């Protein structure tokens, strides 16, 4: 318990200065009673608003106190607190990050549970809510929500417009790419060591039992705090169409590192050097495939036309391998924005500012096409860095993604890509991660808290597999029979009868998307 607890909260909106006693909020939260101190603030509210406010004060959130403590001690956690502390300051105006961290951690340890009223009671000193800054943050958050809604509507329209001009295809007569492919798949786990970097990691390798011709290869990079196994279903599906798929572990930003953070072994949510090591892991895996090609694969692996896939932080990895370069000046500009914390992905990207300032070129010329799903990328690469990608590329997004939101992380990025052969697919309702791989009850909890209904993971997997397989068949396997699938009309075909749709656009819609982004910025400065 703090030696001294806060008694009042001050609300500053120059020249106005109001205060409310925390004991008044506690009385209202516990008993629903409104004393004279609180009456001033609630006198014009409706009964429904009072009930909603009371629920917000008392709603219990199940959080591990150790997780809360360790997270807010990481660089990303500290960045969040620093940004929040500008708007919620110690009385007198100093940044309130230390007081906020103490209150959050102690509320999580409290036997009564983590609630807003408990957080306020645990504040060690009186705090000031800087009205102008907090109102600005709220307006920026509302703008982000509006941008997301506008983007969803715009992509739906662009998909329909492209589909109307697509060459007619009877997809019911073509191979259904939502189904498992014709080849049986075996899985191997390779343990590798890159002596030049003193770095050891394992690789999940999915090998199709095909017997004819060259075998196309795809390398896949997992996301932050994840592991190759979390993507096993999708990777095996891809392999069943004849692709050898290799998915390396990235020690330093995988689930093992995340577990060790919670156990107190690391202060940072991921190893800063993984901005560099991740792309190098991919090139080392391709090197290893070259070493094994003759003895284990009879020289059948096509290692001059490799496909690259990645998710989230792995999306960054894929774009880096494709030729995107870190733009430190642009990144600093983005990170210095007053309300940059609205974009969670940017907090991860801002860590790269601690890297030595130099040109990082991770382009591997053996990689000829890239599929980046939910990539964190816009701030770290910017328009200059992304324009360096000239190979075929597809971005994948989820309309419910809170970690790498499409309106902030992929919309502008799609227009900046230098490749004329580019596609963007967005799954309505996809929320960044596969909840079924993490916790069987997590998706239900998300739906309860957010009042959102999420699509089934099977539908998301079907959508993703259909477009990913066709993309790699055309641009890695040079199989033109699959080009009809790379149309907006195919997305509309897949979406028939589904509550959650698949949107899909190509280079043809870039100028319209640029115009839509420009119009939104003009109407919402």
Protein backbone atom coordinates (compact mmCIF):
# COMPACT_ATOMS: atom_id res chain seq x y z
CA UNK A 1 0.00 0.00 0.00
CA UNK A 2 1.23 3.54 -0.71
CA UNK A 3 2.41 5.55 2.28
CA UNK A 4 0.14 8.34 1.09
CA UNK A 5 -2.97 7.89 -1.05
CA UNK A 6 -4.56 10.42 -3.38
CA UNK A 7 -7.54 12.31 -2.02
CA UNK A 8 -8.59 14.35 -5.04
CA UNK A 9 -8.53 14.29 -8.82
CA UNK A 10 -8.21 17.66 -10.52
CA UNK A 11 -9.64 18.38 -13.96
CA UNK A 12 -7.81 21.18 -15.75
CA UNK A 13 -9.17 22.86 -18.86
CA UNK A 14 -7.76 26.37 -18.90
CA UNK A 15 -8.95 28.56 -17.36
CA UNK A 16 -11.23 26.09 -15.56
CA UNK A 17 -10.05 23.94 -12.66
CA UNK A 18 -12.37 21.44 -10.94
CA UNK A 19 -11.74 18.65 -8.45
CA UNK A 20 -13.56 15.56 -7.28
CA UNK A 21 -12.85 13.55 -4.16
CA UNK A 22 -11.94 9.91 -4.70
CA UNK A 23 -14.04 9.01 -1.66
CA UNK A 24 -17.07 10.42 -3.53
CA UNK A 25 -16.36 8.17 -6.49
CA UNK A 26 -15.90 5.18 -4.16
CA UNK A 27 -19.24 5.85 -2.44
CA UNK A 28 -20.97 6.04 -5.81
CA UNK A 29 -19.23 2.90 -7.06
CA UNK A 30 -20.07 0.81 -4.00
CA UNK A 31 -23.54 2.09 -3.04
CA UNK A 32 -24.74 4.16 -5.97
CA UNK A 33 -25.02 7.24 -3.74
CA UNK A 34 -24.20 10.69 -5.11
CA UNK A 35 -22.95 13.19 -2.51
CA UNK A 36 -22.72 16.95 -3.01
CA UNK A 37 -19.15 16.77 -4.27
CA UNK A 38 -20.08 14.39 -7.10
CA UNK A 39 -23.53 15.86 -7.73
CA UNK A 40 -22.00 18.85 -9.53
CA UNK A 41 -20.59 16.57 -12.21
CA UNK A 42 -23.52 14.20 -12.60
CA UNK A 43 -26.41 16.66 -12.34
CA UNK A 44 -27.04 16.73 -16.09
CA UNK A 45 -26.55 13.02 -16.79
CA UNK A 46 -29.36 10.55 -17.51
CA UNK A 47 -30.01 7.49 -15.33
CA UNK A 48 -28.56 5.34 -18.12
CA UNK A 49 -25.36 7.39 -18.18
CA UNK A 50 -25.04 7.18 -14.40
CA UNK A 51 -25.46 3.41 -14.57
CA UNK A 52 -22.85 3.14 -17.32
CA UNK A 53 -20.39 5.29 -15.33
CA UNK A 54 -20.88 3.17 -12.22
CA UNK A 55 -20.35 -0.01 -14.23
CA UNK A 56 -17.12 1.44 -15.67
CA UNK A 57 -15.86 2.16 -12.15
CA UNK A 58 -16.61 -1.31 -10.82
CA UNK A 59 -16.10 -3.61 -13.82
CA UNK A 60 -13.53 -6.21 -12.81
CA UNK A 61 -10.84 -7.26 -15.28
CA UNK A 62 -8.92 -10.46 -14.62
CA UNK A 63 -5.24 -9.56 -14.93
CA UNK A 64 -2.19 -11.27 -13.53
CA UNK A 65 -0.49 -8.77 -11.20
CA UNK A 66 2.90 -10.15 -12.19
CA UNK A 67 2.08 -9.67 -15.89
CA UNK A 68 0.94 -6.09 -15.23
CA UNK A 69 4.06 -5.31 -13.23
CA UNK A 70 6.46 -6.85 -15.74
CA UNK A 71 4.74 -5.37 -18.80
CA UNK A 72 4.83 -1.79 -17.52
CA UNK A 73 8.51 -2.30 -16.76
CA UNK A 74 9.29 -3.05 -20.42
CA UNK A 75 10.33 -0.32 -22.85
CA UNK A 76 6.98 -0.50 -24.66
CA UNK A 77 5.06 -0.46 -21.36
CA UNK A 78 7.08 2.52 -20.18
CA UNK A 79 6.41 4.30 -23.47
CA UNK A 80 2.66 3.80 -22.97
CA UNK A 81 2.85 5.17 -19.41
CA UNK A 82 4.94 8.16 -20.51
CA UNK A 83 2.41 9.05 -23.20
CA UNK A 84 -0.49 8.58 -20.77
CA UNK A 85 1.37 10.51 -18.08
CA UNK A 86 1.41 13.64 -20.23
CA UNK A 87 -2.37 13.83 -19.93
CA UNK A 88 -2.66 12.51 -16.36
CA UNK A 89 -0.02 14.34 -14.35
CA UNK A 90 1.05 14.60 -10.74
CA UNK A 91 -0.45 17.68 -9.08
CA UNK A 92 1.72 20.52 -10.29
CA UNK A 93 2.05 19.22 -13.87
CA UNK A 94 4.90 16.67 -13.79
CA UNK A 95 4.49 13.51 -15.91
CA UNK A 96 2.36 11.04 -13.95
CA UNK A 97 3.86 7.83 -15.33
CA UNK A 98 5.40 6.63 -12.04
CA UNK A 99 2.21 7.23 -10.05
CA UNK A 100 0.13 5.54 -12.75
CA UNK A 101 2.38 2.48 -12.79
CA UNK A 102 2.20 2.18 -9.00
CA UNK A 103 -1.60 2.41 -9.05
CA UNK A 104 -2.03 -0.07 -11.89
CA UNK A 105 0.26 -2.66 -10.31
CA UNK A 106 -1.20 -2.34 -6.81
CA UNK A 107 -4.77 -2.53 -8.16
CA UNK A 108 -3.86 -5.77 -9.93
CA UNK A 109 -2.53 -7.18 -6.64
CA UNK A 110 -5.63 -6.08 -4.69
CA UNK A 111 -7.83 -9.01 -3.52
CA UNK A 112 -10.92 -7.07 -4.67
CA UNK A 113 -9.63 -7.22 -8.23
CA UNK A 114 -8.48 -4.84 -10.92
CA UNK A 115 -11.15 -2.15 -11.34
CA UNK A 116 -11.02 1.51 -12.27
CA UNK A 117 -12.08 2.61 -8.78
CA UNK A 118 -9.31 0.46 -7.31
CA UNK A 119 -6.75 2.07 -9.62
CA UNK A 120 -7.91 5.54 -8.49
CA UNK A 121 -7.75 4.52 -4.82
CA UNK A 122 -4.18 3.25 -5.28
CA UNK A 123 -2.87 6.51 -6.72
CA UNK A 124 -0.10 7.64 -4.32
CA UNK A 125 -0.80 11.34 -4.78
CA UNK A 126 -3.36 13.79 -6.12
CA UNK A 127 -3.45 13.78 -9.91
CA UNK A 128 -4.38 16.31 -12.57
CA UNK A 129 -6.28 15.37 -15.70
CA UNK A 130 -5.11 17.75 -18.42
CA UNK A 131 -8.37 18.35 -20.25
CA UNK A 132 -6.98 19.76 -23.49
CA UNK A 133 -4.56 16.87 -23.98
CA UNK A 134 -7.08 14.18 -23.02
CA UNK A 135 -9.76 15.73 -25.23
CA UNK A 136 -7.25 15.78 -28.08
CA UNK A 137 -6.46 12.11 -27.50
CA UNK A 138 -10.18 11.27 -27.46
CA UNK A 139 -10.68 13.15 -30.72
CA UNK A 140 -7.72 11.33 -32.28
CA UNK A 141 -9.13 7.98 -31.12
CA UNK A 142 -12.53 8.85 -32.60
CA UNK A 143 -10.81 9.86 -35.85
CA UNK A 144 -9.08 6.45 -35.91
CA UNK A 145 -12.44 4.69 -35.46
CA UNK A 146 -13.98 6.77 -38.24
CA UNK A 147 -10.97 6.08 -40.48
CA UNK A 148 -11.41 2.34 -39.94
CA UNK A 149 -15.13 2.49 -40.74
CA UNK A 150 -14.44 4.60 -43.82
CA UNK A 151 -11.72 2.23 -45.00
CA UNK A 152 -13.96 -0.83 -44.63
CA UNK A 153 -16.64 0.88 -46.71
CA UNK A 154 -14.13 2.07 -49.30
CA UNK A 155 -12.55 -1.37 -49.75
CA UNK A 156 -15.98 -2.93 -50.13
CA UNK A 157 -16.79 -0.46 -52.92
CA UNK A 158 -13.43 -0.86 -54.64
CA UNK A 159 -13.77 -4.65 -54.52
CA UNK A 160 -17.18 -4.43 -56.19
CA UNK A 161 -15.89 -1.98 -58.82
CA UNK A 162 -12.93 -4.19 -59.75
CA UNK A 163 -15.13 -7.30 -59.76
CA UNK A 164 -17.51 -5.63 -62.23
CA UNK A 165 -14.67 -5.30 -64.75
CA UNK A 166 -12.95 -8.64 -64.06
CA UNK A 167 -12.98 -11.32 -66.71
CA UNK A 168 -15.98 -13.60 -66.02
CA UNK A 169 -14.98 -16.89 -64.41
CA UNK A 170 -17.13 -19.78 -63.22
CA UNK A 171 -15.27 -20.48 -59.99
CA UNK A 172 -17.53 -23.40 -59.13
CA UNK A 173 -15.83 -25.30 -61.97
CA UNK A 174 -12.30 -24.56 -60.74
CA UNK A 175 -10.28 -26.18 -57.95
CA UNK A 176 -11.62 -25.10 -54.56
CA UNK A 177 -8.57 -23.62 -52.84
CA UNK A 178 -10.38 -23.65 -49.50
CA UNK A 179 -9.86 -27.39 -49.45
CA UNK A 180 -6.67 -29.27 -48.56
CA UNK A 181 -4.44 -29.82 -51.60
CA UNK A 182 -3.66 -33.13 -53.33
CA UNK A 183 -0.32 -33.89 -51.65
CA UNK A 184 0.30 -35.53 -48.32
CA UNK A 185 2.63 -33.57 -46.06
CA UNK A 186 5.30 -34.64 -43.62
CA UNK A 187 6.79 -32.34 -41.01
CA UNK A 188 10.40 -32.19 -39.89
CA UNK A 189 12.08 -30.01 -37.28
CA UNK A 190 15.58 -28.84 -38.05
CA UNK A 191 17.88 -27.39 -35.40
CA UNK A 192 20.23 -24.85 -36.96
CA UNK A 193 23.12 -22.70 -35.77
CA UNK A 194 24.38 -19.63 -37.59
CA UNK A 195 27.95 -19.50 -36.29
CA UNK A 196 28.57 -16.05 -37.76
CA UNK A 197 25.93 -14.64 -35.39
CA UNK A 198 26.24 -17.25 -32.62
CA UNK A 199 22.50 -17.81 -33.04
CA UNK A 200 20.68 -21.14 -32.75
CA UNK A 201 17.04 -21.76 -33.63
CA UNK A 202 14.74 -24.47 -34.93
CA UNK A 203 12.79 -24.59 -38.19
CA UNK A 204 9.49 -26.34 -38.83
CA UNK A 205 9.71 -27.77 -42.35
CA UNK A 206 6.58 -28.99 -44.16
CA UNK A 207 7.49 -31.28 -47.07
CA UNK A 208 4.88 -32.25 -49.68
CA UNK A 209 5.08 -35.80 -51.01
CA UNK A 210 5.12 -34.69 -54.64
CA UNK A 211 7.19 -36.58 -57.19
CA UNK A 212 7.24 -34.47 -60.34
CA UNK A 213 9.32 -31.48 -61.43
CA UNK A 214 10.76 -28.60 -59.46
CA UNK A 215 9.43 -28.00 -55.96
CA UNK A 216 8.55 -24.38 -55.08
CA UNK A 217 9.65 -23.05 -51.69
CA UNK A 218 8.03 -20.61 -49.24
CA UNK A 219 9.68 -19.37 -46.04
CA UNK A 220 7.44 -18.00 -43.27
CA UNK A 221 8.18 -15.63 -40.37
CA UNK A 222 6.04 -15.79 -37.22
CA UNK A 223 4.78 -12.82 -35.20
CA UNK A 224 5.88 -11.27 -31.90
CA UNK A 225 5.54 -13.54 -28.85
CA UNK A 226 4.57 -16.38 -31.17
CA UNK A 227 6.15 -19.52 -32.63
CA UNK A 228 6.08 -21.45 -35.92
CA UNK A 229 3.69 -24.07 -34.51
CA UNK A 230 0.97 -21.45 -34.04
CA UNK A 231 0.66 -21.29 -37.84
CA UNK A 232 0.86 -25.03 -38.42
CA UNK A 233 -2.61 -25.48 -39.90
CA UNK A 234 -2.13 -22.78 -42.54
CA UNK A 235 1.44 -23.81 -43.37
CA UNK A 236 0.47 -27.46 -43.82
CA UNK A 237 -2.42 -26.36 -46.07
CA UNK A 238 0.03 -24.44 -48.27
CA UNK A 239 2.40 -27.41 -48.39
CA UNK A 240 -0.42 -29.69 -49.51
CA UNK A 241 -0.41 -27.78 -52.81
CA UNK A 242 3.20 -28.75 -53.48
CA UNK A 243 5.16 -26.02 -51.72
CA UNK A 244 7.96 -26.88 -49.33
CA UNK A 245 7.36 -24.52 -46.41
CA UNK A 246 10.06 -23.60 -43.87
CA UNK A 247 9.09 -21.62 -40.76
CA UNK A 248 11.98 -20.62 -38.48
CA UNK A 249 11.80 -19.69 -34.82
CA UNK A 250 13.01 -16.17 -34.09
CA UNK A 251 14.61 -16.33 -30.62
CA UNK A 252 14.40 -12.89 -29.09
CA UNK A 253 10.85 -12.18 -30.21
CA UNK A 254 9.10 -15.54 -29.85
CA UNK A 255 6.86 -17.12 -27.22
CA UNK A 256 9.88 -18.36 -25.23
CA UNK A 257 11.20 -14.80 -24.89
CA UNK A 258 7.72 -13.56 -23.93
CA UNK A 259 7.50 -16.22 -21.20
CA UNK A 260 10.92 -15.22 -19.91
CA UNK A 261 9.82 -11.56 -19.80
CA UNK A 262 6.97 -12.54 -17.49
CA UNK A 263 9.42 -14.53 -15.38
CA UNK A 264 11.62 -11.45 -15.02
CA UNK A 265 14.57 -12.53 -17.19
CA UNK A 266 14.22 -9.67 -19.70
CA UNK A 267 13.18 -6.08 -19.36
CA UNK A 268 12.15 -5.63 -22.98
CA UNK A 269 9.18 -7.23 -24.72
CA UNK A 270 11.56 -8.35 -27.47
CA UNK A 271 15.24 -8.18 -28.29
CA UNK A 272 16.02 -4.94 -30.12
CA UNK A 273 18.45 -6.83 -32.37
CA UNK A 274 15.56 -8.85 -33.82
CA UNK A 275 14.90 -5.98 -36.22
CA UNK A 276 18.17 -7.18 -37.75
CA UNK A 277 18.24 -10.86 -36.84
CA UNK A 278 14.80 -11.75 -38.17
CA UNK A 279 15.57 -11.02 -41.85
CA UNK A 280 18.98 -12.66 -41.45
CA UNK A 281 17.26 -15.78 -40.05
CA UNK A 282 15.26 -16.01 -43.28
CA UNK A 283 18.32 -15.75 -45.52
CA UNK A 284 20.14 -18.33 -43.37
CA UNK A 285 17.21 -20.76 -43.78
CA UNK A 286 17.38 -20.37 -47.57
CA UNK A 287 21.15 -20.96 -47.35
CA UNK A 288 20.45 -24.15 -45.39
CA UNK A 289 17.97 -25.33 -48.01
CA UNK A 290 20.66 -24.81 -50.65
CA UNK A 291 23.10 -26.90 -48.58
CA UNK A 292 20.58 -29.74 -48.29
CA UNK A 293 19.08 -29.52 -51.77
CA UNK A 294 21.29 -32.10 -53.48
CA UNK A 295 21.50 -34.72 -50.74
CA UNK A 296 17.94 -34.55 -49.37
CA UNK A 297 15.83 -33.18 -52.23
CA UNK A 298 17.64 -34.37 -55.38
CA UNK A 299 18.18 -30.73 -56.43
CA UNK A 300 14.45 -30.31 -56.96
CA UNK A 301 14.02 -27.26 -54.73
CA UNK A 302 13.63 -24.05 -56.72
CA UNK A 303 15.69 -21.71 -54.56
CA UNK A 304 15.97 -18.89 -57.10
CA UNK A 305 12.24 -18.20 -56.93
CA UNK A 306 11.41 -18.34 -53.23
CA UNK A 307 8.15 -17.09 -51.73
CA UNK A 308 8.14 -15.22 -48.42
CA UNK A 309 5.29 -15.03 -45.93
CA UNK A 310 5.04 -13.35 -42.55
CA UNK A 311 2.58 -12.24 -39.91
CA UNK A 312 2.70 -9.07 -37.76
CA UNK A 313 6.37 -8.65 -36.75
CA UNK A 314 6.90 -11.37 -39.33
CA UNK A 315 5.20 -9.03 -41.81
CA UNK A 316 7.95 -6.51 -41.07
CA UNK A 317 10.45 -9.34 -41.69
CA UNK A 318 8.88 -10.21 -45.04
CA UNK A 319 8.87 -6.60 -46.23
CA UNK A 320 12.51 -6.17 -45.16
CA UNK A 321 13.50 -9.28 -47.13
CA UNK A 322 11.58 -7.84 -50.10
CA UNK A 323 13.77 -4.72 -50.01
CA UNK A 324 12.03 -2.23 -47.69
CA UNK A 325 14.53 -0.12 -45.75
CA UNK A 326 14.18 1.54 -42.34
CA UNK A 327 13.67 5.30 -42.66
CA UNK A 328 14.88 6.64 -39.32
CA UNK A 329 13.93 10.26 -40.02
CA UNK A 330 10.36 9.34 -40.92
CA UNK A 331 10.12 6.96 -37.94
CA UNK A 332 11.25 9.62 -35.47
CA UNK A 333 8.70 12.04 -36.89
CA UNK A 334 5.96 9.46 -36.41
CA UNK A 335 7.09 8.49 -32.90
CA UNK A 336 7.24 12.12 -31.78
CA UNK A 337 3.57 12.70 -32.61
CA UNK A 338 1.64 13.74 -29.52
CA UNK A 339 -1.05 11.12 -30.02
CA UNK A 340 1.06 8.42 -31.70
CA UNK A 341 0.07 5.97 -28.96
CA UNK A 342 -3.30 5.47 -30.66
CA UNK A 343 -1.44 3.13 -33.00
CA UNK A 344 -0.19 0.20 -30.92
CA UNK A 345 2.02 -1.10 -33.74
CA UNK A 346 3.92 2.19 -33.75
CA UNK A 347 5.06 1.54 -30.17
CA UNK A 348 6.85 -1.58 -31.39
CA UNK A 349 8.30 0.20 -34.42
CA UNK A 350 9.59 3.12 -32.32
CA UNK A 351 11.97 0.73 -30.56
CA UNK A 352 14.01 0.70 -33.77
CA UNK A 353 15.11 4.26 -32.97
CA UNK A 354 17.56 2.65 -30.53
CA UNK A 355 19.37 0.89 -33.37
CA UNK A 356 22.60 2.38 -34.73
CA UNK A 357 21.70 4.90 -37.46
CA UNK A 358 22.84 3.33 -40.70
CA UNK A 359 21.37 1.91 -43.90
CA UNK A 360 20.00 -1.60 -43.36
CA UNK A 361 19.46 -3.54 -46.57
CA UNK A 362 18.12 -7.05 -45.99
CA UNK A 363 16.99 -7.69 -49.57
CA UNK A 364 17.46 -11.34 -50.54
CA UNK A 365 17.31 -11.59 -54.33
CA UNK A 366 16.29 -15.24 -54.16
CA UNK A 367 12.91 -14.11 -52.79
CA UNK A 368 10.64 -13.25 -55.72
CA UNK A 369 7.22 -12.66 -54.09
CA UNK A 370 5.96 -11.71 -50.62
CA UNK A 371 2.72 -12.15 -48.68
CA UNK A 372 2.68 -9.96 -45.54
CA UNK A 373 -0.27 -10.48 -43.18
CA UNK A 374 -1.16 -7.81 -40.60
CA UNK A 375 2.31 -6.27 -41.04
CA UNK A 376 3.68 -3.63 -38.67
CA UNK A 377 5.46 -1.42 -41.18
CA UNK A 378 4.20 2.08 -41.92
CA UNK A 379 6.18 4.05 -39.35
CA UNK A 380 9.43 2.12 -39.58
CA UNK A 381 9.64 2.08 -43.40
CA UNK A 382 7.57 5.08 -44.50
CA UNK A 383 6.94 5.95 -48.15
CA UNK A 384 10.64 6.06 -49.04
CA UNK A 385 11.43 2.64 -47.53
CA UNK A 386 8.39 0.86 -48.97
CA UNK A 387 8.90 2.30 -52.44
CA UNK A 388 12.02 0.11 -52.73
CA UNK A 389 9.86 -3.03 -52.94
CA UNK A 390 9.48 -3.87 -56.62
CA UNK A 391 8.65 -7.61 -56.54
CA UNK A 392 5.07 -8.95 -56.52
CA UNK A 393 3.49 -8.42 -53.10
CA UNK A 394 0.23 -9.02 -51.29
CA UNK A 395 -0.82 -7.40 -48.02
CA UNK A 396 -3.34 -9.08 -45.74
CA UNK A 397 -5.37 -7.23 -43.10
CA UNK A 398 -8.16 -7.74 -40.58
CA UNK A 399 -10.85 -5.12 -40.10
CA UNK A 400 -10.92 -5.74 -36.31
CA UNK A 401 -7.13 -5.73 -35.91
CA UNK A 402 -6.24 -3.60 -32.85
CA UNK A 403 -2.50 -4.39 -32.94
CA UNK A 404 -1.74 -3.45 -36.56
CA UNK A 405 -4.90 -1.57 -37.58
CA UNK A 406 -5.35 -1.44 -41.37
CA UNK A 407 -6.31 2.24 -41.41
CA UNK A 408 -2.99 3.13 -39.76
CA UNK A 409 -0.63 0.34 -40.80
CA UNK A 410 -1.62 -0.88 -44.28
CA UNK A 411 -3.80 1.63 -46.15
CA UNK A 412 -1.14 4.21 -46.98
CA UNK A 413 1.54 1.50 -47.15
CA UNK A 414 -0.29 -0.23 -50.00
CA UNK A 415 -0.15 2.95 -52.07
CA UNK A 416 3.56 3.47 -51.28
CA UNK A 417 4.73 0.03 -52.44
CA UNK A 418 6.97 0.32 -55.50
CA UNK A 419 5.74 -2.90 -57.12
CA UNK A 420 3.17 -2.63 -59.94
CA UNK A 421 2.08 -6.18 -59.11
CA UNK A 422 0.46 -5.60 -55.74
CA UNK A 423 -2.70 -6.82 -54.04
CA UNK A 424 -4.47 -6.09 -50.78
CA UNK A 425 -6.89 -8.46 -49.09
CA UNK A 426 -8.87 -7.65 -45.94
CA UNK A 427 -10.88 -10.19 -43.95
CA UNK A 428 -13.84 -8.61 -42.23
CA UNK A 429 -13.73 -9.38 -38.50
CA UNK A 430 -10.17 -10.75 -38.40
CA UNK A 431 -8.49 -9.50 -35.20
CA UNK A 432 -4.75 -10.02 -35.76
CA UNK A 433 -4.24 -13.36 -34.00
CA UNK A 434 -5.68 -16.85 -34.15
CA UNK A 435 -7.43 -16.97 -30.75
CA UNK A 436 -8.09 -20.70 -31.08
CA UNK A 437 -4.34 -21.32 -30.98
CA UNK A 438 -3.91 -19.24 -27.83
CA UNK A 439 -6.86 -20.04 -25.62
CA UNK A 440 -10.05 -21.90 -26.39
CA UNK A 441 -12.13 -19.39 -24.40
CA UNK A 442 -10.33 -16.22 -25.37
CA UNK A 443 -12.46 -15.37 -28.41
CA UNK A 444 -15.59 -15.67 -26.27
CA UNK A 445 -14.07 -13.33 -23.69
CA UNK A 446 -13.21 -10.82 -26.42
CA UNK A 447 -16.76 -10.94 -27.72
CA UNK A 448 -18.13 -10.39 -24.20
CA UNK A 449 -15.91 -7.41 -23.37
CA UNK A 450 -16.03 -5.67 -26.75
CA UNK A 451 -19.51 -6.78 -27.83
CA UNK A 452 -17.97 -7.82 -31.14
CA UNK A 453 -18.75 -11.07 -32.89
CA UNK A 454 -15.68 -12.66 -34.41
CA UNK A 455 -15.66 -14.88 -37.50
CA UNK A 456 -14.70 -18.53 -37.12
CA UNK A 457 -11.01 -19.27 -37.49
CA UNK A 458 -11.88 -21.83 -40.17
CA UNK A 459 -13.39 -19.09 -42.34
CA UNK A 460 -10.34 -16.86 -41.85
CA UNK A 461 -8.04 -19.77 -42.73
CA UNK A 462 -10.09 -20.58 -45.84
CA UNK A 463 -10.01 -17.00 -47.08
CA UNK A 464 -6.28 -16.65 -46.41
CA UNK A 465 -5.35 -20.00 -47.95
CA UNK A 466 -7.33 -19.33 -51.13
CA UNK A 467 -5.60 -16.03 -51.92
CA UNK A 468 -2.16 -17.03 -50.62
CA UNK A 469 -2.01 -20.27 -52.60
CA UNK A 470 -3.10 -18.59 -55.83
CA UNK A 471 -0.61 -15.72 -55.29
CA UNK A 472 2.36 -18.05 -54.80
CA UNK A 473 1.25 -20.35 -57.62
CA UNK A 474 1.31 -17.44 -60.07
CA UNK A 475 4.43 -15.61 -58.89
CA UNK A 476 6.60 -18.43 -57.48
CA UNK A 477 5.46 -21.49 -59.39
CA UNK A 478 4.78 -19.51 -62.60
CA UNK A 479 1.45 -21.32 -62.93
CA UNK A 480 -0.87 -19.07 -64.95
CA UNK A 481 -3.82 -21.41 -64.37
CA UNK A 482 -4.20 -19.74 -60.96
CA UNK A 483 -4.30 -16.13 -62.20
CA UNK A 484 -8.14 -16.04 -62.38
CA UNK A 485 -8.14 -16.42 -58.58
CA UNK A 486 -6.23 -13.12 -58.22
CA UNK A 487 -9.34 -11.09 -58.95
CA UNK A 488 -11.84 -9.18 -56.84
CA UNK A 489 -14.52 -11.35 -58.40
CA UNK A 490 -13.02 -14.37 -56.63
CA UNK A 491 -13.23 -12.58 -53.26
CA UNK A 492 -16.89 -11.89 -53.92
CA UNK A 493 -17.41 -15.53 -54.87
CA UNK A 494 -15.81 -16.71 -51.63
CA UNK A 495 -17.89 -14.23 -49.62
CA UNK A 496 -21.25 -15.46 -50.92
CA UNK A 497 -23.55 -16.29 -48.02
CA UNK A 498 -20.97 -15.35 -45.40
CA UNK A 499 -21.59 -12.79 -42.65
CA UNK A 500 -17.93 -11.76 -42.77
CA UNK A 501 -16.71 -10.80 -46.23
CA UNK A 502 -13.36 -10.87 -47.99
CA UNK A 503 -12.33 -7.66 -49.77
CA UNK A 504 -9.61 -7.76 -52.43
CA UNK A 505 -8.12 -5.02 -54.58
CA UNK A 506 -5.15 -4.67 -56.91
CA UNK A 507 -2.94 -2.00 -58.44
CA UNK A 508 -5.98 -0.91 -60.46
CA UNK A 509 -7.53 0.67 -57.35
CA UNK A 510 -4.46 2.51 -56.05
CA UNK A 511 -5.35 5.99 -57.34
CA UNK A 512 -8.90 5.71 -56.03
CA UNK A 513 -7.53 4.68 -52.63
CA UNK A 514 -5.10 7.63 -52.65
CA UNK A 515 -7.99 9.96 -53.44
CA UNK A 516 -10.10 8.46 -50.64
CA UNK A 517 -7.28 8.89 -48.11
CA UNK A 518 -6.73 12.49 -49.21
CA UNK A 519 -10.44 13.26 -48.96
CA UNK A 520 -10.64 11.78 -45.45
CA UNK A 521 -7.69 13.88 -44.26
CA UNK A 522 -9.24 17.03 -45.69
CA UNK A 523 -12.57 16.35 -43.98
CA UNK A 524 -10.94 15.24 -40.71
CA UNK A 525 -7.86 17.44 -40.17
